[in-house]
Amino acid sequence: MSAVREHDQLLYAPMVVADVDDVHALERRVYPHPWTHGNFVDSLASGYHGWVLRDDGGALVGYFMLMEVVDEAHLLNVAVDLQQQGRGIGLYLLDKVMACARGLSMQSVLLEVRPTNLRALQVYERYGFTEIGRRKGYYPAHNGQREDAIVMRYAL
């Protein structure tokens, strides 16, 4: 599935260390258990493929972080600014994830998502990801508890 063309005017660029403050701020607004600033810096330093999406005023709209694992790309992190959700930007970013993975000659894209993240689950299912398993106690949750992860895959 492809996202709508209206998002083509957004600036899509490789994530660099100078983007991490904006990325981390968006991460903290979107997720109850966000990555740390250091997680993003370390991911870039490790050669993972980070990309940002900005509007024509330079404001960060979304981003993703992708890791190569043999012939499979692992979507480690993806987010869309709360103010921009519901406009097809998540699907647009997934198009970019797939283009990046294909450019790396990957065979599929794998991700984990919280069962309670219904909005993300809907986006992934709408895009064509299928559930292939569960990881028990994968995510930190409230009050020291853990939450499972749904493992999803998209074949390229």
N, C-alpha and C. Protein backbone atom coordinates (compact mmCIF):
# COMPACT_ATOMS: atom_id res chain seq x y z
N MET A 1 0.84 -1.17 0.00
CA MET A 1 0.00 0.00 0.00
C MET A 1 0.89 1.23 0.00
N SER A 2 0.53 2.23 -0.73
CA SER A 2 1.31 3.48 -0.77
C SER A 2 0.53 4.60 -0.11
N ALA A 3 1.27 5.47 0.55
CA ALA A 3 0.66 6.64 1.18
C ALA A 3 0.30 7.66 0.11
N VAL A 4 -0.53 8.60 0.48
CA VAL A 4 -0.96 9.63 -0.47
C VAL A 4 0.19 10.52 -0.89
N ARG A 5 0.11 11.07 -2.08
CA ARG A 5 1.17 11.86 -2.68
C ARG A 5 1.35 13.23 -2.03
N GLU A 6 0.35 13.72 -1.30
CA GLU A 6 0.45 15.07 -0.76
C GLU A 6 1.63 15.25 0.19
N HIS A 7 2.19 14.17 0.69
CA HIS A 7 3.31 14.26 1.62
C HIS A 7 4.66 14.40 0.92
N ASP A 8 4.66 14.36 -0.40
CA ASP A 8 5.92 14.46 -1.13
C ASP A 8 6.61 15.81 -0.95
N GLN A 9 5.89 16.84 -0.48
CA GLN A 9 6.53 18.13 -0.27
C GLN A 9 7.30 18.18 1.05
N LEU A 10 7.16 17.16 1.89
CA LEU A 10 7.90 17.11 3.14
C LEU A 10 9.36 16.78 2.86
N LEU A 11 10.25 17.30 3.69
CA LEU A 11 11.69 17.05 3.53
C LEU A 11 12.06 15.75 4.23
N TYR A 12 12.53 14.80 3.46
CA TYR A 12 12.94 13.48 3.96
C TYR A 12 14.45 13.41 3.83
N ALA A 13 15.15 13.19 4.95
CA ALA A 13 16.61 13.23 4.94
C ALA A 13 17.19 12.25 5.95
N PRO A 14 18.43 11.81 5.72
CA PRO A 14 19.08 10.95 6.70
C PRO A 14 19.18 11.65 8.05
N MET A 15 18.95 10.91 9.12
CA MET A 15 19.09 11.45 10.46
C MET A 15 20.57 11.61 10.77
N VAL A 16 20.93 12.77 11.32
CA VAL A 16 22.29 13.03 11.77
C VAL A 16 22.22 13.40 13.25
N VAL A 17 23.37 13.42 13.91
CA VAL A 17 23.40 13.69 15.35
C VAL A 17 22.72 15.02 15.68
N ALA A 18 22.83 16.00 14.79
CA ALA A 18 22.18 17.30 15.03
C ALA A 18 20.66 17.18 15.08
N ASP A 19 20.08 16.12 14.55
CA ASP A 19 18.63 15.91 14.59
C ASP A 19 18.16 15.29 15.90
N VAL A 20 19.07 14.71 16.66
CA VAL A 20 18.68 13.87 17.80
C VAL A 20 17.92 14.64 18.87
N ASP A 21 18.24 15.91 19.12
CA ASP A 21 17.47 16.66 20.13
C ASP A 21 16.00 16.73 19.73
N ASP A 22 15.71 17.05 18.46
CA ASP A 22 14.33 17.11 17.99
C ASP A 22 13.67 15.74 18.00
N VAL A 23 14.41 14.72 17.56
CA VAL A 23 13.89 13.35 17.52
C VAL A 23 13.54 12.89 18.94
N HIS A 24 14.44 13.13 19.87
CA HIS A 24 14.21 12.70 21.25
C HIS A 24 13.03 13.43 21.87
N ALA A 25 12.90 14.73 21.57
CA ALA A 25 11.76 15.49 22.09
C ALA A 25 10.44 14.92 21.56
N LEU A 26 10.39 14.60 20.27
CA LEU A 26 9.18 14.00 19.69
C LEU A 26 8.95 12.63 20.32
N GLU A 27 9.98 11.86 20.48
CA GLU A 27 9.89 10.53 21.10
C GLU A 27 9.25 10.61 22.48
N ARG A 28 9.68 11.59 23.27
CA ARG A 28 9.15 11.75 24.63
C ARG A 28 7.67 12.16 24.61
N ARG A 29 7.27 12.92 23.60
CA ARG A 29 5.86 13.33 23.50
C ARG A 29 4.95 12.17 23.09
N VAL A 30 5.49 11.26 22.29
CA VAL A 30 4.66 10.21 21.68
C VAL A 30 4.59 8.93 22.52
N TYR A 31 5.68 8.55 23.16
CA TYR A 31 5.74 7.25 23.82
C TYR A 31 5.80 7.36 25.34
N PRO A 32 5.06 6.49 26.04
CA PRO A 32 5.12 6.51 27.51
C PRO A 32 6.45 5.99 28.06
N HIS A 33 7.16 5.18 27.29
CA HIS A 33 8.47 4.66 27.68
C HIS A 33 9.45 4.92 26.53
N PRO A 34 9.89 6.18 26.40
CA PRO A 34 10.69 6.58 25.23
C PRO A 34 12.12 6.07 25.27
N TRP A 35 12.71 6.01 24.07
CA TRP A 35 14.15 5.79 23.98
C TRP A 35 14.84 6.98 24.63
N THR A 36 16.07 6.77 25.06
CA THR A 36 16.87 7.87 25.58
C THR A 36 17.56 8.59 24.43
N HIS A 37 18.04 9.78 24.72
CA HIS A 37 18.84 10.53 23.76
C HIS A 37 20.02 9.67 23.30
N GLY A 38 20.65 9.00 24.27
CA GLY A 38 21.80 8.14 23.98
C GLY A 38 21.46 6.97 23.07
N ASN A 39 20.24 6.43 23.18
CA ASN A 39 19.84 5.34 22.30
C ASN A 39 19.91 5.77 20.83
N PHE A 40 19.46 6.98 20.56
CA PHE A 40 19.50 7.48 19.18
C PHE A 40 20.93 7.74 18.72
N VAL A 41 21.72 8.37 19.58
CA VAL A 41 23.12 8.65 19.23
C VAL A 41 23.87 7.34 18.99
N ASP A 42 23.67 6.37 19.88
CA ASP A 42 24.34 5.08 19.73
C ASP A 42 23.91 4.35 18.46
N SER A 43 22.62 4.44 18.13
CA SER A 43 22.11 3.78 16.93
C SER A 43 22.75 4.37 15.68
N LEU A 44 22.87 5.68 15.64
CA LEU A 44 23.53 6.32 14.50
C LEU A 44 25.01 5.93 14.44
N ALA A 45 25.66 5.92 15.59
CA ALA A 45 27.08 5.56 15.65
C ALA A 45 27.30 4.10 15.22
N SER A 46 26.30 3.26 15.43
CA SER A 46 26.39 1.85 15.05
C SER A 46 26.09 1.62 13.57
N GLY A 47 25.75 2.68 12.86
CA GLY A 47 25.50 2.55 11.43
C GLY A 47 24.07 2.21 11.07
N TYR A 48 23.15 2.30 12.04
CA TYR A 48 21.75 2.05 11.74
C TYR A 48 21.24 3.17 10.84
N HIS A 49 20.18 2.90 10.13
CA HIS A 49 19.65 3.83 9.14
C HIS A 49 18.52 4.65 9.77
N GLY A 50 18.84 5.86 10.17
CA GLY A 50 17.85 6.77 10.74
C GLY A 50 17.47 7.81 9.69
N TRP A 51 16.19 8.11 9.61
CA TRP A 51 15.69 9.11 8.67
C TRP A 51 14.69 10.00 9.37
N VAL A 52 14.67 11.26 8.98
CA VAL A 52 13.73 12.23 9.55
C VAL A 52 12.85 12.80 8.44
N LEU A 53 11.68 13.26 8.85
CA LEU A 53 10.72 13.88 7.95
C LEU A 53 10.34 15.22 8.58
N ARG A 54 10.59 16.31 7.83
CA ARG A 54 10.33 17.65 8.35
C ARG A 54 9.38 18.39 7.42
N ASP A 55 8.62 19.33 7.99
CA ASP A 55 7.74 20.15 7.15
C ASP A 55 8.55 21.29 6.54
N ASP A 56 7.90 22.10 5.71
CA ASP A 56 8.63 23.16 5.00
C ASP A 56 9.17 24.24 5.93
N GLY A 57 8.70 24.27 7.18
CA GLY A 57 9.24 25.20 8.17
C GLY A 57 10.37 24.61 9.00
N GLY A 58 10.69 23.34 8.74
CA GLY A 58 11.79 22.69 9.46
C GLY A 58 11.36 21.91 10.68
N ALA A 59 10.06 21.93 11.02
CA ALA A 59 9.60 21.19 12.20
C ALA A 59 9.60 19.69 11.92
N LEU A 60 10.04 18.92 12.90
CA LEU A 60 10.08 17.47 12.76
C LEU A 60 8.66 16.91 12.80
N VAL A 61 8.32 16.15 11.77
CA VAL A 61 7.00 15.54 11.63
C VAL A 61 7.06 14.07 12.03
N GLY A 62 8.18 13.40 11.73
CA GLY A 62 8.32 11.99 12.05
C GLY A 62 9.72 11.51 11.77
N TYR A 63 9.97 10.25 12.12
CA TYR A 63 11.29 9.66 11.92
C TYR A 63 11.18 8.15 12.01
N PHE A 64 12.25 7.47 11.59
CA PHE A 64 12.37 6.04 11.86
C PHE A 64 13.83 5.66 11.97
N MET A 65 14.05 4.51 12.61
CA MET A 65 15.39 3.94 12.78
C MET A 65 15.30 2.48 12.35
N LEU A 66 16.17 2.10 11.39
CA LEU A 66 16.15 0.77 10.79
C LEU A 66 17.51 0.12 10.93
N MET A 67 17.51 -1.16 11.31
CA MET A 67 18.76 -1.91 11.49
C MET A 67 18.77 -3.09 10.52
N GLU A 68 19.91 -3.34 9.91
CA GLU A 68 20.08 -4.51 9.02
C GLU A 68 20.47 -5.73 9.86
N VAL A 69 19.77 -6.84 9.62
CA VAL A 69 20.11 -8.10 10.26
C VAL A 69 20.09 -9.17 9.17
N VAL A 70 21.25 -9.49 8.65
CA VAL A 70 21.43 -10.43 7.54
C VAL A 70 20.60 -9.95 6.35
N ASP A 71 19.47 -10.62 6.05
CA ASP A 71 18.65 -10.21 4.91
C ASP A 71 17.31 -9.62 5.34
N GLU A 72 17.23 -9.25 6.61
CA GLU A 72 15.99 -8.70 7.15
C GLU A 72 16.28 -7.35 7.80
N ALA A 73 15.41 -6.39 7.52
CA ALA A 73 15.53 -5.09 8.17
C ALA A 73 14.65 -5.11 9.42
N HIS A 74 15.17 -4.58 10.52
CA HIS A 74 14.43 -4.52 11.78
C HIS A 74 14.08 -3.05 12.03
N LEU A 75 12.79 -2.75 11.99
CA LEU A 75 12.32 -1.39 12.27
C LEU A 75 12.33 -1.21 13.77
N LEU A 76 13.36 -0.52 14.26
CA LEU A 76 13.56 -0.38 15.70
C LEU A 76 12.66 0.67 16.31
N ASN A 77 12.41 1.74 15.57
CA ASN A 77 11.67 2.85 16.13
C ASN A 77 11.07 3.67 14.99
N VAL A 78 9.85 4.09 15.17
CA VAL A 78 9.18 4.96 14.20
C VAL A 78 8.15 5.78 14.96
N ALA A 79 8.01 7.04 14.59
CA ALA A 79 7.02 7.88 15.26
C ALA A 79 6.59 9.02 14.35
N VAL A 80 5.37 9.44 14.57
CA VAL A 80 4.79 10.61 13.90
C VAL A 80 4.33 11.55 15.00
N ASP A 81 4.62 12.84 14.85
CA ASP A 81 4.21 13.84 15.82
C ASP A 81 2.71 13.75 16.07
N LEU A 82 2.31 13.90 17.31
CA LEU A 82 0.89 13.78 17.68
C LEU A 82 -0.01 14.71 16.86
N GLN A 83 0.46 15.92 16.58
CA GLN A 83 -0.33 16.89 15.82
C GLN A 83 -0.51 16.48 14.36
N GLN A 84 0.34 15.57 13.88
CA GLN A 84 0.32 15.17 12.47
C GLN A 84 -0.33 13.80 12.25
N GLN A 85 -0.69 13.12 13.33
CA GLN A 85 -1.26 11.78 13.19
C GLN A 85 -2.63 11.84 12.53
N GLY A 86 -2.97 10.78 11.82
CA GLY A 86 -4.26 10.70 11.15
C GLY A 86 -4.27 11.33 9.76
N ARG A 87 -3.10 11.70 9.25
CA ARG A 87 -3.00 12.35 7.93
C ARG A 87 -2.27 11.49 6.90
N GLY A 88 -2.02 10.24 7.22
CA GLY A 88 -1.33 9.35 6.29
C GLY A 88 0.19 9.40 6.38
N ILE A 89 0.72 10.14 7.34
CA ILE A 89 2.17 10.28 7.44
C ILE A 89 2.82 8.98 7.90
N GLY A 90 2.14 8.23 8.76
CA GLY A 90 2.66 6.93 9.18
C GLY A 90 2.83 5.99 8.00
N LEU A 91 1.82 5.95 7.13
CA LEU A 91 1.91 5.12 5.93
C LEU A 91 3.01 5.62 4.99
N TYR A 92 3.12 6.94 4.89
CA TYR A 92 4.17 7.53 4.07
C TYR A 92 5.56 7.13 4.60
N LEU A 93 5.74 7.19 5.92
CA LEU A 93 7.02 6.78 6.51
C LEU A 93 7.27 5.29 6.26
N LEU A 94 6.22 4.48 6.33
CA LEU A 94 6.41 3.06 6.04
C LEU A 94 6.82 2.84 4.59
N ASP A 95 6.28 3.65 3.67
CA ASP A 95 6.76 3.58 2.28
C ASP A 95 8.27 3.84 2.24
N LYS A 96 8.72 4.83 3.00
CA LYS A 96 10.14 5.17 3.04
C LYS A 96 10.97 4.06 3.70
N VAL A 97 10.42 3.44 4.74
CA VAL A 97 11.08 2.29 5.38
C VAL A 97 11.30 1.19 4.35
N MET A 98 10.24 0.89 3.58
CA MET A 98 10.34 -0.19 2.59
C MET A 98 11.34 0.16 1.49
N ALA A 99 11.35 1.40 1.06
CA ALA A 99 12.31 1.82 0.04
C ALA A 99 13.74 1.69 0.56
N CYS A 100 13.95 2.07 1.81
CA CYS A 100 15.27 1.94 2.43
C CYS A 100 15.67 0.47 2.50
N ALA A 101 14.76 -0.38 2.96
CA ALA A 101 15.05 -1.81 3.10
C ALA A 101 15.33 -2.44 1.74
N ARG A 102 14.56 -2.08 0.73
CA ARG A 102 14.81 -2.62 -0.61
C ARG A 102 16.17 -2.16 -1.13
N GLY A 103 16.51 -0.90 -0.85
CA GLY A 103 17.80 -0.37 -1.27
C GLY A 103 18.97 -1.10 -0.61
N LEU A 104 18.71 -1.71 0.53
CA LEU A 104 19.73 -2.49 1.25
C LEU A 104 19.66 -3.97 0.88
N SER A 105 18.81 -4.31 -0.09
CA SER A 105 18.61 -5.69 -0.57
C SER A 105 18.07 -6.62 0.51
N MET A 106 17.22 -6.07 1.38
CA MET A 106 16.59 -6.88 2.41
C MET A 106 15.42 -7.67 1.81
N GLN A 107 15.07 -8.77 2.45
CA GLN A 107 13.96 -9.61 1.99
C GLN A 107 12.66 -9.31 2.72
N SER A 108 12.77 -8.73 3.92
CA SER A 108 11.58 -8.44 4.71
C SER A 108 11.91 -7.37 5.75
N VAL A 109 10.84 -6.86 6.38
CA VAL A 109 10.97 -5.90 7.48
C VAL A 109 10.25 -6.49 8.68
N LEU A 110 10.92 -6.47 9.81
CA LEU A 110 10.40 -7.01 11.06
C LEU A 110 10.24 -5.85 12.05
N LEU A 111 9.22 -5.93 12.89
CA LEU A 111 9.05 -4.94 13.95
C LEU A 111 8.36 -5.57 15.14
N GLU A 112 8.45 -4.90 16.28
CA GLU A 112 7.68 -5.25 17.47
C GLU A 112 6.78 -4.07 17.79
N VAL A 113 5.59 -4.37 18.31
CA VAL A 113 4.65 -3.33 18.71
C VAL A 113 3.89 -3.81 19.95
N ARG A 114 3.59 -2.86 20.81
CA ARG A 114 2.82 -3.19 22.01
C ARG A 114 1.38 -3.55 21.62
N PRO A 115 0.80 -4.58 22.23
CA PRO A 115 -0.61 -4.89 21.97
C PRO A 115 -1.54 -3.73 22.34
N THR A 116 -1.11 -2.89 23.26
CA THR A 116 -1.94 -1.74 23.68
C THR A 116 -1.81 -0.55 22.74
N ASN A 117 -0.88 -0.60 21.80
CA ASN A 117 -0.69 0.50 20.85
C ASN A 117 -1.60 0.24 19.64
N LEU A 118 -2.89 0.42 19.86
CA LEU A 118 -3.88 0.07 18.86
C LEU A 118 -3.74 0.88 17.58
N ARG A 119 -3.40 2.15 17.71
CA ARG A 119 -3.24 3.00 16.52
C ARG A 119 -2.13 2.47 15.62
N ALA A 120 -0.99 2.15 16.22
CA ALA A 120 0.12 1.61 15.43
C ALA A 120 -0.24 0.26 14.83
N LEU A 121 -0.88 -0.60 15.60
CA LEU A 121 -1.30 -1.90 15.07
C LEU A 121 -2.17 -1.75 13.84
N GLN A 122 -3.10 -0.80 13.89
CA GLN A 122 -3.97 -0.55 12.74
C GLN A 122 -3.17 -0.11 11.52
N VAL A 123 -2.22 0.79 11.74
CA VAL A 123 -1.40 1.28 10.62
C VAL A 123 -0.60 0.12 10.02
N TYR A 124 0.04 -0.69 10.87
CA TYR A 124 0.85 -1.80 10.37
C TYR A 124 0.00 -2.83 9.63
N GLU A 125 -1.15 -3.16 10.19
CA GLU A 125 -2.03 -4.13 9.53
C GLU A 125 -2.54 -3.57 8.21
N ARG A 126 -2.93 -2.30 8.21
CA ARG A 126 -3.40 -1.66 6.98
C ARG A 126 -2.31 -1.68 5.90
N TYR A 127 -1.08 -1.52 6.32
CA TYR A 127 0.04 -1.50 5.37
C TYR A 127 0.30 -2.89 4.79
N GLY A 128 0.01 -3.93 5.58
CA GLY A 128 0.23 -5.29 5.10
C GLY A 128 1.13 -6.15 5.97
N PHE A 129 1.53 -5.63 7.12
CA PHE A 129 2.31 -6.44 8.06
C PHE A 129 1.42 -7.55 8.62
N THR A 130 2.02 -8.70 8.90
CA THR A 130 1.29 -9.79 9.53
C THR A 130 1.98 -10.20 10.82
N GLU A 131 1.18 -10.61 11.80
CA GLU A 131 1.72 -11.06 13.07
C GLU A 131 2.39 -12.41 12.87
N ILE A 132 3.62 -12.54 13.38
CA ILE A 132 4.33 -13.82 13.26
C ILE A 132 4.71 -14.40 14.62
N GLY A 133 4.44 -13.65 15.71
CA GLY A 133 4.77 -14.18 17.02
C GLY A 133 4.61 -13.14 18.11
N ARG A 134 4.99 -13.55 19.31
CA ARG A 134 4.93 -12.68 20.49
C ARG A 134 6.23 -12.82 21.27
N ARG A 135 6.64 -11.72 21.88
CA ARG A 135 7.77 -11.73 22.80
C ARG A 135 7.21 -11.41 24.17
N LYS A 136 7.28 -12.36 25.08
CA LYS A 136 6.73 -12.19 26.42
C LYS A 136 7.55 -11.20 27.23
N GLY A 137 6.86 -10.26 27.88
CA GLY A 137 7.52 -9.31 28.78
C GLY A 137 8.58 -8.46 28.12
N TYR A 138 8.41 -8.13 26.86
CA TYR A 138 9.42 -7.43 26.07
C TYR A 138 9.57 -5.96 26.45
N TYR A 139 8.45 -5.29 26.68
CA TYR A 139 8.46 -3.84 26.92
C TYR A 139 8.28 -3.52 28.40
N PRO A 140 8.94 -2.45 28.88
CA PRO A 140 8.60 -1.96 30.23
C PRO A 140 7.20 -1.37 30.20
N ALA A 141 6.49 -1.52 31.30
CA ALA A 141 5.14 -0.97 31.42
C ALA A 141 5.04 -0.23 32.76
N HIS A 142 3.86 0.20 33.08
CA HIS A 142 3.66 0.97 34.31
C HIS A 142 3.87 0.12 35.56
N ASN A 143 4.27 0.78 36.63
CA ASN A 143 4.43 0.16 37.95
C ASN A 143 5.38 -1.03 37.95
N GLY A 144 6.44 -0.94 37.16
CA GLY A 144 7.44 -2.00 37.14
C GLY A 144 7.00 -3.27 36.42
N GLN A 145 5.86 -3.24 35.79
CA GLN A 145 5.35 -4.40 35.06
C GLN A 145 6.01 -4.47 33.67
N ARG A 146 5.77 -5.54 32.96
CA ARG A 146 6.27 -5.73 31.60
C ARG A 146 5.08 -6.01 30.69
N GLU A 147 5.23 -5.64 29.42
CA GLU A 147 4.19 -5.86 28.42
C GLU A 147 4.78 -6.68 27.28
N ASP A 148 3.98 -7.59 26.75
CA ASP A 148 4.40 -8.40 25.60
C ASP A 148 4.57 -7.51 24.37
N ALA A 149 5.24 -8.06 23.38
CA ALA A 149 5.36 -7.42 22.08
C ALA A 149 4.75 -8.34 21.04
N ILE A 150 4.01 -7.76 20.11
CA ILE A 150 3.56 -8.48 18.93
C ILE A 150 4.66 -8.30 17.88
N VAL A 151 5.14 -9.42 17.35
CA VAL A 151 6.16 -9.38 16.31
C VAL A 151 5.44 -9.45 14.97
N MET A 152 5.76 -8.48 14.10
CA MET A 152 5.10 -8.41 12.79
C MET A 152 6.17 -8.39 11.69
N ARG A 153 5.77 -8.90 10.53
CA ARG A 153 6.69 -8.99 9.40
C ARG A 153 6.00 -8.54 8.13
N TYR A 154 6.80 -7.90 7.28
CA TYR A 154 6.33 -7.50 5.95
C TYR A 154 7.35 -8.04 4.95
N ALA A 155 6.89 -8.90 4.03
CA ALA A 155 7.78 -9.46 3.02
C ALA A 155 7.92 -8.47 1.87
N LEU A 156 9.15 -8.20 1.47
CA LEU A 156 9.40 -7.27 0.37
C LEU A 156 9.35 -7.97 -0.96
